[in-house]
């Protein structure tokens, strides 16, 4: 089983993340940030990663530290769960439509972290949630999971839809990339023989 549990405690946040990459998308996410929980639920459900997140953060300041630190812990959990990446497909992509919104995501579990972000929001907030925190989450997630991720909003008017389509598109791309390749289940998908750096 490709599972991991990461605990991260700082003066700003206290976070626990538990995942199973071979799950069915069962989730139980409680961060104290309602909209963010909704996005983590989407990530879990559409990537088919079982995910339990518990976070206590300095929400009296704002949501930034909580969102970023969950991204760090979740990225570390994914990196730990896939180990040396033997047998994974490695690449994944998705063109996802949600009502007025169209988002494209493509990723490579290369071991080298890089984020290309071309997602603009039409509003600065979704309820009380700062839309700029969506990028902060993915930056932290990518850097700690060790992946290349390109995300682009091709169309969209509603900021809730844009954020949700972004999480769903990444989830579907991640699902494809982390699947076991039935033709090469015993091999690391690289001519270098490693995907650790």
Protein backbone atom coordinates (compact mmCIF):
# COMPACT_ATOMS: atom_id res chain seq x y z
CA UNK A 1 0.00 0.00 0.00
CA UNK A 2 1.28 3.46 -0.93
CA UNK A 3 0.46 5.35 2.23
CA UNK A 4 2.00 8.14 4.27
CA UNK A 5 1.38 10.17 7.38
CA UNK A 6 3.03 13.55 7.89
CA UNK A 7 2.84 15.69 10.99
CA UNK A 8 4.05 19.29 10.91
CA UNK A 9 4.02 21.60 13.89
CA UNK A 10 5.27 25.19 13.96
CA UNK A 11 4.48 28.30 15.98
CA UNK A 12 1.85 29.09 13.31
CA UNK A 13 0.20 25.73 12.55
CA UNK A 14 -0.27 22.18 13.80
CA UNK A 15 -1.01 19.85 10.88
CA UNK A 16 -1.53 16.14 10.33
CA UNK A 17 -1.99 14.64 6.86
CA UNK A 18 -2.68 10.98 6.16
CA UNK A 19 -3.07 9.64 2.60
CA UNK A 20 -3.51 6.42 0.66
CA UNK A 21 -2.64 6.78 -3.02
CA UNK A 22 -4.44 3.51 -3.82
CA UNK A 23 -7.71 4.58 -2.26
CA UNK A 24 -11.14 5.40 -3.60
CA UNK A 25 -11.31 9.10 -2.80
CA UNK A 26 -12.56 8.91 0.79
CA UNK A 27 -11.91 12.20 2.57
CA UNK A 28 -12.15 13.80 5.98
CA UNK A 29 -10.57 17.25 5.86
CA UNK A 30 -10.87 19.76 8.68
CA UNK A 31 -8.63 22.82 8.49
CA UNK A 32 -10.88 25.49 9.95
CA UNK A 33 -11.10 27.10 6.50
CA UNK A 34 -14.40 25.99 4.99
CA UNK A 35 -13.75 26.75 1.32
CA UNK A 36 -10.28 25.18 1.52
CA UNK A 37 -11.77 22.00 3.02
CA UNK A 38 -14.13 21.90 0.03
CA UNK A 39 -11.17 22.13 -2.35
CA UNK A 40 -9.22 19.40 -0.53
CA UNK A 41 -12.33 17.21 -0.75
CA UNK A 42 -12.32 17.73 -4.53
CA UNK A 43 -8.62 16.86 -4.74
CA UNK A 44 -9.16 13.64 -2.82
CA UNK A 45 -12.33 12.57 -4.61
CA UNK A 46 -11.10 13.15 -8.15
CA UNK A 47 -7.56 11.85 -7.63
CA UNK A 48 -8.96 8.77 -5.83
CA UNK A 49 -6.57 9.47 -2.96
CA UNK A 50 -7.95 8.71 0.48
CA UNK A 51 -7.10 11.79 2.54
CA UNK A 52 -7.47 12.88 6.14
CA UNK A 53 -6.26 16.37 7.03
CA UNK A 54 -6.35 18.02 10.42
CA UNK A 55 -5.07 21.56 10.76
CA UNK A 56 -5.09 24.11 13.54
CA UNK A 57 -3.66 27.43 12.44
CA UNK A 58 -3.44 31.07 13.37
CA UNK A 59 -6.73 31.90 11.67
CA UNK A 60 -7.11 34.98 13.85
CA UNK A 61 -4.39 36.46 11.59
CA UNK A 62 -5.60 35.04 8.27
CA UNK A 63 -5.80 31.74 6.34
CA UNK A 64 -2.38 32.01 4.69
CA UNK A 65 -0.24 29.92 7.04
CA UNK A 66 -2.84 27.17 7.30
CA UNK A 67 -3.31 26.83 3.54
CA UNK A 68 0.41 26.99 2.75
CA UNK A 69 1.43 24.56 5.50
CA UNK A 70 -1.22 22.02 4.48
CA UNK A 71 0.27 22.24 0.97
CA UNK A 72 3.73 21.53 2.40
CA UNK A 73 2.54 18.56 4.45
CA UNK A 74 0.42 17.12 1.64
CA UNK A 75 3.30 17.42 -0.82
CA UNK A 76 5.63 15.62 1.59
CA UNK A 77 3.03 12.91 2.08
CA UNK A 78 2.71 12.30 -1.67
CA UNK A 79 6.51 12.18 -2.06
CA UNK A 80 6.81 9.70 0.81
CA UNK A 81 3.94 7.50 -0.41
CA UNK A 82 5.32 7.06 -3.95
CA UNK A 83 8.84 6.27 -2.75
CA UNK A 84 11.24 5.73 -5.67
CA UNK A 85 8.28 6.03 -8.12
CA UNK A 86 8.79 2.54 -9.44
CA UNK A 87 5.92 1.51 -11.71
CA UNK A 88 4.08 4.84 -11.89
CA UNK A 89 2.89 6.27 -15.19
CA UNK A 90 4.66 9.53 -14.18
CA UNK A 91 2.81 11.96 -16.48
CA UNK A 92 -0.77 13.15 -16.26
CA UNK A 93 -2.92 15.84 -17.80
CA UNK A 94 -6.52 16.99 -17.80
CA UNK A 95 -8.66 19.51 -19.62
CA UNK A 96 -11.51 20.12 -17.20
CA UNK A 97 -14.72 22.02 -17.82
CA UNK A 98 -17.00 23.32 -15.08
CA UNK A 99 -19.88 25.47 -16.25
CA UNK A 100 -18.29 28.73 -17.51
CA UNK A 101 -14.76 27.59 -16.68
CA UNK A 102 -12.14 25.60 -18.58
CA UNK A 103 -8.83 24.72 -16.91
CA UNK A 104 -5.88 22.75 -18.26
CA UNK A 105 -3.45 20.95 -15.93
CA UNK A 106 -0.41 18.90 -16.86
CA UNK A 107 2.13 17.39 -14.51
CA UNK A 108 5.26 15.29 -14.33
CA UNK A 109 6.29 13.46 -11.15
CA UNK A 110 9.89 14.14 -12.12
CA UNK A 111 11.38 14.82 -8.70
CA UNK A 112 12.13 18.36 -9.86
CA UNK A 113 9.77 21.02 -8.58
CA UNK A 114 8.45 23.69 -10.94
CA UNK A 115 5.12 25.50 -11.12
CA UNK A 116 3.76 27.39 -14.10
CA UNK A 117 0.67 29.30 -12.97
CA UNK A 118 -1.59 31.02 -15.49
CA UNK A 119 -4.79 31.28 -13.46
CA UNK A 120 -6.43 34.66 -12.95
CA UNK A 121 -9.44 35.12 -10.71
CA UNK A 122 -12.26 37.56 -11.36
CA UNK A 123 -12.67 38.30 -7.63
CA UNK A 124 -10.20 38.67 -4.79
CA UNK A 125 -12.32 36.61 -2.40
CA UNK A 126 -14.63 33.59 -2.45
CA UNK A 127 -16.69 34.25 0.65
CA UNK A 128 -13.94 35.06 3.16
CA UNK A 129 -11.28 33.03 1.33
CA UNK A 130 -8.52 34.96 -0.49
CA UNK A 131 -8.27 33.62 -4.04
CA UNK A 132 -4.51 34.28 -4.11
CA UNK A 133 -4.16 31.42 -1.60
CA UNK A 134 -4.99 28.89 -4.32
CA UNK A 135 -1.61 29.61 -5.90
CA UNK A 136 0.08 29.54 -2.47
CA UNK A 137 -1.30 26.05 -1.86
CA UNK A 138 -0.14 24.69 -5.20
CA UNK A 139 3.30 26.28 -4.87
CA UNK A 140 3.82 24.58 -1.50
CA UNK A 141 2.36 21.29 -2.75
CA UNK A 142 4.53 21.19 -5.89
CA UNK A 143 7.76 22.12 -4.12
CA UNK A 144 7.35 19.40 -1.52
CA UNK A 145 5.95 16.66 -3.77
CA UNK A 146 8.75 17.21 -6.30
CA UNK A 147 6.63 17.63 -9.41
CA UNK A 148 6.40 19.85 -12.46
CA UNK A 149 2.90 21.34 -12.67
CA UNK A 150 1.47 23.63 -15.32
CA UNK A 151 -2.01 25.07 -14.72
CA UNK A 152 -3.82 27.43 -17.05
CA UNK A 153 -7.30 28.95 -16.98
CA UNK A 154 -8.51 28.99 -20.56
CA UNK A 155 -11.93 30.42 -19.75
CA UNK A 156 -14.01 31.31 -16.74
CA UNK A 157 -16.03 34.05 -15.05
CA UNK A 158 -16.96 32.75 -11.61
CA UNK A 159 -14.06 32.59 -9.12
CA UNK A 160 -15.56 29.67 -7.21
CA UNK A 161 -15.75 27.70 -10.45
CA UNK A 162 -12.21 28.71 -11.42
CA UNK A 163 -10.77 27.53 -8.10
CA UNK A 164 -12.77 24.32 -8.07
CA UNK A 165 -11.94 23.48 -11.68
CA UNK A 166 -8.26 24.05 -10.89
CA UNK A 167 -8.30 21.57 -8.00
CA UNK A 168 -10.29 19.04 -10.01
CA UNK A 169 -8.03 19.30 -13.07
CA UNK A 170 -4.92 18.79 -10.95
CA UNK A 171 -6.62 15.87 -9.19
CA UNK A 172 -7.42 14.10 -12.45
CA UNK A 173 -3.90 14.68 -13.78
CA UNK A 174 -2.45 13.40 -10.50
CA UNK A 175 -4.65 10.32 -10.64
CA UNK A 176 -3.29 9.45 -14.09
CA UNK A 177 0.34 10.13 -13.15
CA UNK A 178 0.25 8.02 -9.98
CA UNK A 179 -1.44 4.99 -11.55
CA UNK A 180 0.63 1.85 -11.86
CA UNK A 181 1.69 1.20 -15.45
CA UNK A 182 0.61 -2.40 -16.20
CA UNK A 183 3.33 -2.75 -18.84
CA UNK A 184 6.16 -1.49 -16.62
CA UNK A 185 5.05 -2.04 -13.02
CA UNK A 186 8.58 -2.96 -11.92
CA UNK A 187 10.46 -0.10 -13.60
CA UNK A 188 11.24 3.51 -12.80
CA UNK A 189 9.84 5.58 -15.69
CA UNK A 190 13.07 7.30 -16.69
CA UNK A 191 16.04 6.49 -18.91
CA UNK A 192 18.23 7.76 -16.04
CA UNK A 193 16.99 4.98 -13.81
CA UNK A 194 15.97 7.43 -11.08
CA UNK A 195 13.39 10.11 -10.44
CA UNK A 196 14.79 11.31 -7.14
CA UNK A 197 16.43 14.48 -8.47
